[in-house]
Amino acid sequence: MIGTLIEKEQVDKFKIIPAEIDNSEKFMSKLQSALRLGNEFKSKTDIVFNTEEGPMRIETTVWSLTDKYIQIKHGTLIPLRSLIAVEY
């Protein structure tokens, strides 16, 4: 999978920018499944998002999902427009 692996606690140290292609709608179904996996089974999801330093990857539990953001641990929000890949 692409992207530099970082700890989920480091996400707020990077300036998150939109991905070249907005895949928000494409990833919505996968993110809803990731949310259920995280909440019911404590299963983690690999998420790649775009930053000024290039793609970053985290392994995390998705805590909540809106039409614009995913929320991970510590209330950290990642814009859906910045997502490059979602795998579980």
N, C-alpha and C. Protein backbone atom coordinates (compact mmCIF):
# COMPACT_ATOMS: atom_id res chain seq x y z
N MET A 1 0.85 -1.18 0.00
CA MET A 1 0.00 0.00 0.00
C MET A 1 0.89 1.25 0.00
N ILE A 2 0.45 2.26 -0.68
CA ILE A 2 1.23 3.49 -0.79
C ILE A 2 1.19 4.30 0.50
N GLY A 3 2.05 5.28 0.61
CA GLY A 3 2.05 6.19 1.75
C GLY A 3 3.04 5.78 2.81
N THR A 4 3.59 6.78 3.46
CA THR A 4 4.51 6.57 4.58
C THR A 4 3.70 6.23 5.82
N LEU A 5 4.01 5.12 6.46
CA LEU A 5 3.29 4.71 7.66
C LEU A 5 3.67 5.60 8.83
N ILE A 6 2.67 6.21 9.46
CA ILE A 6 2.88 7.04 10.66
C ILE A 6 1.93 6.56 11.74
N GLU A 7 2.20 6.96 12.97
CA GLU A 7 1.30 6.65 14.08
C GLU A 7 0.08 7.56 13.99
N LYS A 8 -1.08 7.05 14.37
CA LYS A 8 -2.31 7.85 14.28
C LYS A 8 -2.23 9.11 15.14
N GLU A 9 -1.42 9.08 16.18
CA GLU A 9 -1.26 10.25 17.04
C GLU A 9 -0.46 11.37 16.36
N GLN A 10 0.18 11.06 15.24
CA GLN A 10 0.99 12.05 14.52
C GLN A 10 0.22 12.78 13.43
N VAL A 11 -1.01 12.38 13.17
CA VAL A 11 -1.78 12.96 12.06
C VAL A 11 -1.85 14.48 12.16
N ASP A 12 -2.08 15.01 13.35
CA ASP A 12 -2.24 16.46 13.48
C ASP A 12 -0.94 17.24 13.29
N LYS A 13 0.17 16.55 13.10
CA LYS A 13 1.45 17.23 12.84
C LYS A 13 1.63 17.53 11.35
N PHE A 14 0.73 17.02 10.51
CA PHE A 14 0.82 17.20 9.07
C PHE A 14 -0.31 18.09 8.58
N LYS A 15 -0.02 18.89 7.55
CA LYS A 15 -1.07 19.70 6.92
C LYS A 15 -1.74 18.82 5.87
N ILE A 16 -2.98 18.48 6.13
CA ILE A 16 -3.75 17.61 5.24
C ILE A 16 -4.32 18.46 4.11
N ILE A 17 -4.15 17.98 2.88
CA ILE A 17 -4.65 18.68 1.70
C ILE A 17 -5.51 17.73 0.88
N PRO A 18 -6.36 18.28 0.01
CA PRO A 18 -7.20 17.40 -0.83
C PRO A 18 -6.36 16.53 -1.75
N ALA A 19 -6.85 15.33 -2.01
CA ALA A 19 -6.21 14.42 -2.96
C ALA A 19 -6.44 14.96 -4.37
N GLU A 20 -5.65 14.47 -5.32
CA GLU A 20 -5.82 14.89 -6.72
C GLU A 20 -7.23 14.63 -7.21
N ILE A 21 -7.77 13.49 -6.82
CA ILE A 21 -9.14 13.11 -7.20
C ILE A 21 -9.96 12.95 -5.92
N ASP A 22 -11.14 13.59 -5.89
CA ASP A 22 -12.02 13.48 -4.72
C ASP A 22 -12.76 12.14 -4.80
N ASN A 23 -12.36 11.20 -3.96
CA ASN A 23 -12.96 9.86 -3.93
C ASN A 23 -13.95 9.70 -2.78
N SER A 24 -14.45 10.81 -2.24
CA SER A 24 -15.34 10.76 -1.08
C SER A 24 -16.50 9.79 -1.28
N GLU A 25 -17.20 9.92 -2.39
CA GLU A 25 -18.36 9.07 -2.63
C GLU A 25 -17.93 7.61 -2.84
N LYS A 26 -16.82 7.43 -3.53
CA LYS A 26 -16.32 6.08 -3.80
C LYS A 26 -15.99 5.33 -2.50
N PHE A 27 -15.44 6.05 -1.52
CA PHE A 27 -15.02 5.42 -0.27
C PHE A 27 -16.12 5.34 0.79
N MET A 28 -17.25 5.99 0.58
CA MET A 28 -18.28 6.08 1.63
C MET A 28 -18.73 4.70 2.10
N SER A 29 -19.00 3.77 1.20
CA SER A 29 -19.45 2.44 1.59
C SER A 29 -18.37 1.70 2.39
N LYS A 30 -17.13 1.80 1.92
CA LYS A 30 -16.01 1.17 2.62
C LYS A 30 -15.83 1.77 4.01
N LEU A 31 -15.99 3.09 4.11
CA LEU A 31 -15.82 3.75 5.41
C LEU A 31 -16.95 3.38 6.38
N GLN A 32 -18.16 3.20 5.86
CA GLN A 32 -19.26 2.76 6.72
C GLN A 32 -18.97 1.37 7.26
N SER A 33 -18.42 0.51 6.43
CA SER A 33 -18.03 -0.83 6.89
C SER A 33 -16.88 -0.74 7.88
N ALA A 34 -15.92 0.13 7.62
CA ALA A 34 -14.79 0.32 8.54
C ALA A 34 -15.27 0.82 9.89
N LEU A 35 -16.25 1.70 9.89
CA LEU A 35 -16.83 2.21 11.13
C LEU A 35 -17.46 1.07 11.92
N ARG A 36 -18.22 0.24 11.25
CA ARG A 36 -18.85 -0.91 11.93
C ARG A 36 -17.80 -1.88 12.45
N LEU A 37 -16.79 -2.17 11.63
CA LEU A 37 -15.71 -3.07 12.06
C LEU A 37 -15.02 -2.53 13.30
N GLY A 38 -14.78 -1.24 13.33
CA GLY A 38 -14.10 -0.63 14.46
C GLY A 38 -14.94 -0.63 15.72
N ASN A 39 -16.20 -0.25 15.58
CA ASN A 39 -17.07 -0.14 16.75
C ASN A 39 -17.50 -1.49 17.31
N GLU A 40 -17.76 -2.45 16.45
CA GLU A 40 -18.26 -3.74 16.91
C GLU A 40 -17.17 -4.77 17.16
N PHE A 41 -16.10 -4.71 16.38
CA PHE A 41 -15.07 -5.75 16.46
C PHE A 41 -13.69 -5.24 16.80
N LYS A 42 -13.57 -3.91 17.01
CA LYS A 42 -12.27 -3.27 17.34
C LYS A 42 -11.23 -3.56 16.27
N SER A 43 -11.69 -3.69 15.05
CA SER A 43 -10.81 -3.98 13.92
C SER A 43 -10.26 -2.69 13.34
N LYS A 44 -9.03 -2.72 12.87
CA LYS A 44 -8.38 -1.52 12.34
C LYS A 44 -8.47 -1.46 10.82
N THR A 45 -8.38 -0.24 10.32
CA THR A 45 -8.45 0.04 8.89
C THR A 45 -7.19 0.79 8.48
N ASP A 46 -6.65 0.46 7.32
CA ASP A 46 -5.54 1.22 6.75
C ASP A 46 -6.12 2.37 5.95
N ILE A 47 -5.70 3.58 6.27
CA ILE A 47 -6.19 4.78 5.60
C ILE A 47 -4.99 5.56 5.08
N VAL A 48 -5.03 5.89 3.79
CA VAL A 48 -3.99 6.71 3.18
C VAL A 48 -4.63 8.05 2.83
N PHE A 49 -3.99 9.13 3.27
CA PHE A 49 -4.51 10.47 3.01
C PHE A 49 -3.38 11.36 2.52
N ASN A 50 -3.74 12.44 1.87
CA ASN A 50 -2.78 13.33 1.24
C ASN A 50 -2.38 14.46 2.18
N THR A 51 -1.07 14.75 2.23
CA THR A 51 -0.55 15.87 3.01
C THR A 51 0.41 16.66 2.14
N GLU A 52 0.83 17.81 2.62
CA GLU A 52 1.83 18.60 1.89
C GLU A 52 3.14 17.83 1.72
N GLU A 53 3.43 16.90 2.62
CA GLU A 53 4.65 16.08 2.56
C GLU A 53 4.47 14.83 1.71
N GLY A 54 3.29 14.63 1.16
CA GLY A 54 2.98 13.44 0.36
C GLY A 54 2.01 12.53 1.09
N PRO A 55 1.68 11.39 0.51
CA PRO A 55 0.72 10.47 1.12
C PRO A 55 1.23 9.90 2.44
N MET A 56 0.35 9.87 3.44
CA MET A 56 0.64 9.27 4.74
C MET A 56 -0.38 8.17 4.98
N ARG A 57 0.08 7.11 5.67
CA ARG A 57 -0.79 5.96 5.94
C ARG A 57 -0.84 5.71 7.43
N ILE A 58 -2.04 5.42 7.93
CA ILE A 58 -2.23 5.07 9.33
C ILE A 58 -3.04 3.78 9.41
N GLU A 59 -2.84 3.06 10.49
CA GLU A 59 -3.66 1.90 10.82
C GLU A 59 -4.45 2.30 12.05
N THR A 60 -5.77 2.39 11.92
CA THR A 60 -6.56 2.95 13.01
C THR A 60 -7.98 2.40 13.01
N THR A 61 -8.68 2.68 14.07
CA THR A 61 -10.11 2.40 14.17
C THR A 61 -10.85 3.67 13.78
N VAL A 62 -11.85 3.54 12.90
CA VAL A 62 -12.69 4.67 12.54
C VAL A 62 -13.76 4.81 13.61
N TRP A 63 -13.76 5.96 14.29
CA TRP A 63 -14.70 6.16 15.40
C TRP A 63 -16.04 6.72 14.95
N SER A 64 -16.01 7.63 13.96
CA SER A 64 -17.26 8.16 13.43
C SER A 64 -17.04 8.64 12.01
N LEU A 65 -18.15 8.87 11.31
CA LEU A 65 -18.12 9.22 9.90
C LEU A 65 -19.23 10.22 9.62
N THR A 66 -18.88 11.31 8.93
CA THR A 66 -19.88 12.26 8.46
C THR A 66 -19.76 12.34 6.94
N ASP A 67 -20.50 13.24 6.33
CA ASP A 67 -20.40 13.38 4.88
C ASP A 67 -19.14 14.11 4.45
N LYS A 68 -18.36 14.65 5.40
CA LYS A 68 -17.14 15.38 5.06
C LYS A 68 -15.88 14.87 5.76
N TYR A 69 -16.02 14.15 6.87
CA TYR A 69 -14.86 13.75 7.68
C TYR A 69 -15.00 12.35 8.24
N ILE A 70 -13.83 11.73 8.54
CA ILE A 70 -13.81 10.58 9.42
C ILE A 70 -13.15 11.06 10.71
N GLN A 71 -13.57 10.48 11.81
CA GLN A 71 -12.96 10.79 13.10
C GLN A 71 -12.25 9.55 13.60
N ILE A 72 -11.00 9.78 14.04
CA ILE A 72 -10.23 8.69 14.63
C ILE A 72 -9.95 9.06 16.09
N LYS A 73 -9.09 8.31 16.73
CA LYS A 73 -8.75 8.49 18.14
C LYS A 73 -8.40 9.94 18.47
N HIS A 74 -8.73 10.37 19.67
CA HIS A 74 -8.45 11.71 20.19
C HIS A 74 -9.22 12.80 19.44
N GLY A 75 -10.32 12.44 18.78
CA GLY A 75 -11.13 13.43 18.08
C GLY A 75 -10.49 13.99 16.82
N THR A 76 -9.45 13.34 16.33
CA THR A 76 -8.77 13.79 15.11
C THR A 76 -9.67 13.58 13.90
N LEU A 77 -9.83 14.63 13.11
CA LEU A 77 -10.65 14.57 11.91
C LEU A 77 -9.78 14.55 10.66
N ILE A 78 -10.16 13.70 9.72
CA ILE A 78 -9.48 13.64 8.42
C ILE A 78 -10.54 13.89 7.35
N PRO A 79 -10.34 14.92 6.52
CA PRO A 79 -11.33 15.20 5.47
C PRO A 79 -11.42 14.07 4.46
N LEU A 80 -12.63 13.72 4.07
CA LEU A 80 -12.82 12.66 3.08
C LEU A 80 -12.17 13.04 1.75
N ARG A 81 -12.12 14.33 1.43
CA ARG A 81 -11.53 14.78 0.17
C ARG A 81 -10.04 14.49 0.09
N SER A 82 -9.41 14.23 1.24
CA SER A 82 -7.96 13.98 1.24
C SER A 82 -7.62 12.49 1.13
N LEU A 83 -8.63 11.61 1.16
CA LEU A 83 -8.38 10.17 1.16
C LEU A 83 -7.91 9.68 -0.20
N ILE A 84 -6.90 8.81 -0.15
CA ILE A 84 -6.34 8.20 -1.35
C ILE A 84 -6.69 6.71 -1.40
N ALA A 85 -6.69 6.05 -0.25
CA ALA A 85 -7.00 4.61 -0.21
C ALA A 85 -7.57 4.25 1.17
N VAL A 86 -8.44 3.24 1.15
CA VAL A 86 -9.03 2.70 2.38
C VAL A 86 -9.05 1.19 2.23
N GLU A 87 -8.41 0.48 3.14
CA GLU A 87 -8.35 -0.98 3.10
C GLU A 87 -8.55 -1.56 4.50
N TYR A 88 -9.21 -2.70 4.58
CA TYR A 88 -9.32 -3.42 5.85
C TYR A 88 -9.23 -4.89 5.63
